[in-house]
Amino acid sequence: MSDFWIEDGETMLFIGDSITDCGRRGGDAPFGSGYVRFFTELATAEYPERNIRFINKGIGGNRVTN
């Protein structure tokens, strides 16, 4: 991951449906228990010196038309 494309101070927003939501409002808040949590934990572990803000706005059941 030497060419990680998220720079220091940037924000990464995750939007989507239940795959993205994955329980983000329950006991696994604020990232859920799916790929968003996996990605944020991996990125934070690999690049602890970068101040990256992660936001999960996934909503289970939402579709493109919503």
N, C-alpha and C. Protein backbone atom coordinates (compact mmCIF):
# COMPACT_ATOMS: atom_id res chain seq x y z
N MET A 1 0.81 -1.20 0.00
CA MET A 1 0.00 0.00 0.00
C MET A 1 0.85 1.26 0.00
N SER A 2 1.96 1.26 -0.61
CA SER A 2 2.83 2.43 -0.58
C SER A 2 2.26 3.61 -1.38
N ASP A 3 1.40 3.34 -2.33
CA ASP A 3 0.79 4.40 -3.13
C ASP A 3 -0.66 4.64 -2.72
N PHE A 4 -0.89 4.72 -1.44
CA PHE A 4 -2.24 4.92 -0.92
C PHE A 4 -2.75 6.27 -1.39
N TRP A 5 -3.91 6.33 -1.98
CA TRP A 5 -4.40 7.52 -2.66
C TRP A 5 -5.17 8.48 -1.78
N ILE A 6 -5.38 8.16 -0.53
CA ILE A 6 -6.05 9.11 0.36
C ILE A 6 -4.98 9.88 1.11
N GLU A 7 -5.01 11.19 0.96
CA GLU A 7 -3.98 12.04 1.55
C GLU A 7 -4.34 12.45 2.98
N ASP A 8 -3.34 12.93 3.68
CA ASP A 8 -3.52 13.42 5.04
C ASP A 8 -4.57 14.52 5.07
N GLY A 9 -5.52 14.41 6.00
CA GLY A 9 -6.54 15.43 6.17
C GLY A 9 -7.77 15.27 5.29
N GLU A 10 -7.80 14.27 4.43
CA GLU A 10 -8.95 14.08 3.55
C GLU A 10 -10.07 13.31 4.25
N THR A 11 -11.25 13.36 3.66
CA THR A 11 -12.42 12.64 4.16
C THR A 11 -12.83 11.62 3.13
N MET A 12 -13.15 10.40 3.59
CA MET A 12 -13.65 9.36 2.71
C MET A 12 -15.08 9.05 3.13
N LEU A 13 -16.02 9.24 2.20
CA LEU A 13 -17.44 9.04 2.46
C LEU A 13 -17.89 7.75 1.78
N PHE A 14 -18.54 6.88 2.55
CA PHE A 14 -19.10 5.64 2.02
C PHE A 14 -20.61 5.83 1.93
N ILE A 15 -21.19 5.61 0.74
CA ILE A 15 -22.63 5.67 0.56
C ILE A 15 -23.08 4.38 -0.10
N GLY A 16 -24.29 3.97 0.18
CA GLY A 16 -24.79 2.73 -0.40
C GLY A 16 -25.99 2.22 0.37
N ASP A 17 -26.28 0.93 0.15
CA ASP A 17 -27.43 0.32 0.79
C ASP A 17 -27.00 -0.55 1.97
N SER A 18 -27.66 -1.68 2.17
CA SER A 18 -27.41 -2.51 3.35
C SER A 18 -25.98 -3.05 3.42
N ILE A 19 -25.34 -3.28 2.29
CA ILE A 19 -23.95 -3.75 2.30
C ILE A 19 -23.04 -2.70 2.92
N THR A 20 -23.34 -1.45 2.68
CA THR A 20 -22.56 -0.36 3.25
C THR A 20 -22.99 -0.08 4.69
N ASP A 21 -24.28 -0.04 4.94
CA ASP A 21 -24.82 0.22 6.28
C ASP A 21 -24.30 -0.82 7.27
N CYS A 22 -24.64 -2.06 7.06
CA CYS A 22 -24.13 -3.21 7.82
C CYS A 22 -24.12 -2.98 9.34
N GLY A 23 -25.19 -2.39 9.86
CA GLY A 23 -25.32 -2.20 11.30
C GLY A 23 -24.62 -0.98 11.86
N ARG A 24 -24.44 0.04 11.05
CA ARG A 24 -23.67 1.21 11.50
C ARG A 24 -24.36 2.00 12.61
N ARG A 25 -25.66 1.82 12.82
CA ARG A 25 -26.36 2.56 13.86
C ARG A 25 -26.54 1.76 15.15
N GLY A 26 -26.16 0.50 15.13
CA GLY A 26 -26.33 -0.34 16.31
C GLY A 26 -25.04 -0.48 17.11
N GLY A 27 -24.79 -1.68 17.56
CA GLY A 27 -23.62 -1.95 18.38
C GLY A 27 -22.31 -1.80 17.64
N ASP A 28 -22.36 -1.77 16.32
CA ASP A 28 -21.14 -1.62 15.52
C ASP A 28 -20.96 -0.20 14.98
N ALA A 29 -21.58 0.75 15.63
CA ALA A 29 -21.47 2.15 15.19
C ALA A 29 -20.03 2.63 15.33
N PRO A 30 -19.56 3.54 14.52
CA PRO A 30 -20.26 4.23 13.44
C PRO A 30 -20.01 3.63 12.06
N PHE A 31 -19.22 2.56 11.97
CA PHE A 31 -18.84 2.04 10.65
C PHE A 31 -19.57 0.77 10.23
N GLY A 32 -20.28 0.12 11.12
CA GLY A 32 -20.92 -1.14 10.81
C GLY A 32 -19.94 -2.29 10.97
N SER A 33 -20.36 -3.47 10.53
CA SER A 33 -19.51 -4.65 10.69
C SER A 33 -19.06 -5.24 9.36
N GLY A 34 -19.16 -4.49 8.31
CA GLY A 34 -18.81 -4.98 6.98
C GLY A 34 -17.57 -4.36 6.39
N TYR A 35 -17.61 -4.16 5.08
CA TYR A 35 -16.42 -3.69 4.37
C TYR A 35 -15.97 -2.31 4.80
N VAL A 36 -16.88 -1.45 5.25
CA VAL A 36 -16.47 -0.10 5.68
C VAL A 36 -15.57 -0.21 6.91
N ARG A 37 -15.96 -1.03 7.89
CA ARG A 37 -15.12 -1.22 9.08
C ARG A 37 -13.78 -1.83 8.69
N PHE A 38 -13.82 -2.85 7.84
CA PHE A 38 -12.58 -3.50 7.40
C PHE A 38 -11.64 -2.48 6.76
N PHE A 39 -12.16 -1.67 5.86
CA PHE A 39 -11.32 -0.69 5.16
C PHE A 39 -10.77 0.36 6.12
N THR A 40 -11.62 0.89 7.00
CA THR A 40 -11.15 1.94 7.91
C THR A 40 -10.09 1.40 8.87
N GLU A 41 -10.28 0.19 9.37
CA GLU A 41 -9.29 -0.40 10.28
C GLU A 41 -7.98 -0.67 9.56
N LEU A 42 -8.04 -1.18 8.34
CA LEU A 42 -6.83 -1.45 7.57
C LEU A 42 -6.08 -0.16 7.25
N ALA A 43 -6.80 0.84 6.77
CA ALA A 43 -6.17 2.11 6.41
C ALA A 43 -5.55 2.78 7.63
N THR A 44 -6.25 2.74 8.75
CA THR A 44 -5.73 3.35 9.98
C THR A 44 -4.50 2.61 10.50
N ALA A 45 -4.51 1.29 10.39
CA ALA A 45 -3.36 0.49 10.84
C ALA A 45 -2.14 0.71 9.94
N GLU A 46 -2.37 0.81 8.63
CA GLU A 46 -1.26 0.98 7.68
C GLU A 46 -0.72 2.40 7.65
N TYR A 47 -1.58 3.37 7.88
CA TYR A 47 -1.20 4.79 7.78
C TYR A 47 -1.67 5.57 9.01
N PRO A 48 -1.18 5.22 10.19
CA PRO A 48 -1.64 5.90 11.41
C PRO A 48 -1.28 7.38 11.45
N GLU A 49 -0.29 7.78 10.66
CA GLU A 49 0.14 9.19 10.68
C GLU A 49 -0.79 10.09 9.87
N ARG A 50 -1.66 9.51 9.08
CA ARG A 50 -2.57 10.31 8.26
C ARG A 50 -3.86 10.57 9.02
N ASN A 51 -4.27 11.79 9.03
CA ASN A 51 -5.50 12.18 9.70
C ASN A 51 -6.64 12.08 8.69
N ILE A 52 -7.15 10.87 8.52
CA ILE A 52 -8.21 10.62 7.54
C ILE A 52 -9.53 10.48 8.29
N ARG A 53 -10.54 11.18 7.82
CA ARG A 53 -11.87 11.11 8.42
C ARG A 53 -12.71 10.17 7.57
N PHE A 54 -13.31 9.17 8.20
CA PHE A 54 -14.16 8.20 7.52
C PHE A 54 -15.60 8.41 7.96
N ILE A 55 -16.51 8.43 7.00
CA ILE A 55 -17.93 8.62 7.29
C ILE A 55 -18.72 7.53 6.56
N ASN A 56 -19.57 6.82 7.29
CA ASN A 56 -20.43 5.82 6.69
C ASN A 56 -21.86 6.34 6.71
N LYS A 57 -22.44 6.54 5.53
CA LYS A 57 -23.82 7.01 5.41
C LYS A 57 -24.70 5.99 4.69
N GLY A 58 -24.28 4.71 4.71
CA GLY A 58 -25.08 3.67 4.09
C GLY A 58 -26.43 3.53 4.78
N ILE A 59 -27.48 3.25 4.00
CA ILE A 59 -28.82 3.06 4.53
C ILE A 59 -29.39 1.78 3.95
N GLY A 60 -29.60 0.80 4.81
CA GLY A 60 -30.16 -0.47 4.37
C GLY A 60 -31.52 -0.28 3.69
N GLY A 61 -31.70 -0.88 2.53
CA GLY A 61 -32.96 -0.79 1.80
C GLY A 61 -33.00 0.33 0.78
N ASN A 62 -32.08 1.26 0.86
CA ASN A 62 -32.06 2.34 -0.13
C ASN A 62 -31.64 1.82 -1.49
N ARG A 63 -32.16 2.45 -2.52
CA ARG A 63 -31.79 2.14 -3.89
C ARG A 63 -31.36 3.43 -4.57
N VAL A 64 -30.85 3.33 -5.75
CA VAL A 64 -30.39 4.51 -6.49
C VAL A 64 -31.51 5.54 -6.60
N THR A 65 -32.73 5.09 -6.74
CA THR A 65 -33.86 6.01 -6.89
C THR A 65 -34.21 6.73 -5.60
N ASN A 66 -33.69 6.27 -4.45
CA ASN A 66 -33.96 6.93 -3.17
C ASN A 66 -33.01 8.08 -3.00
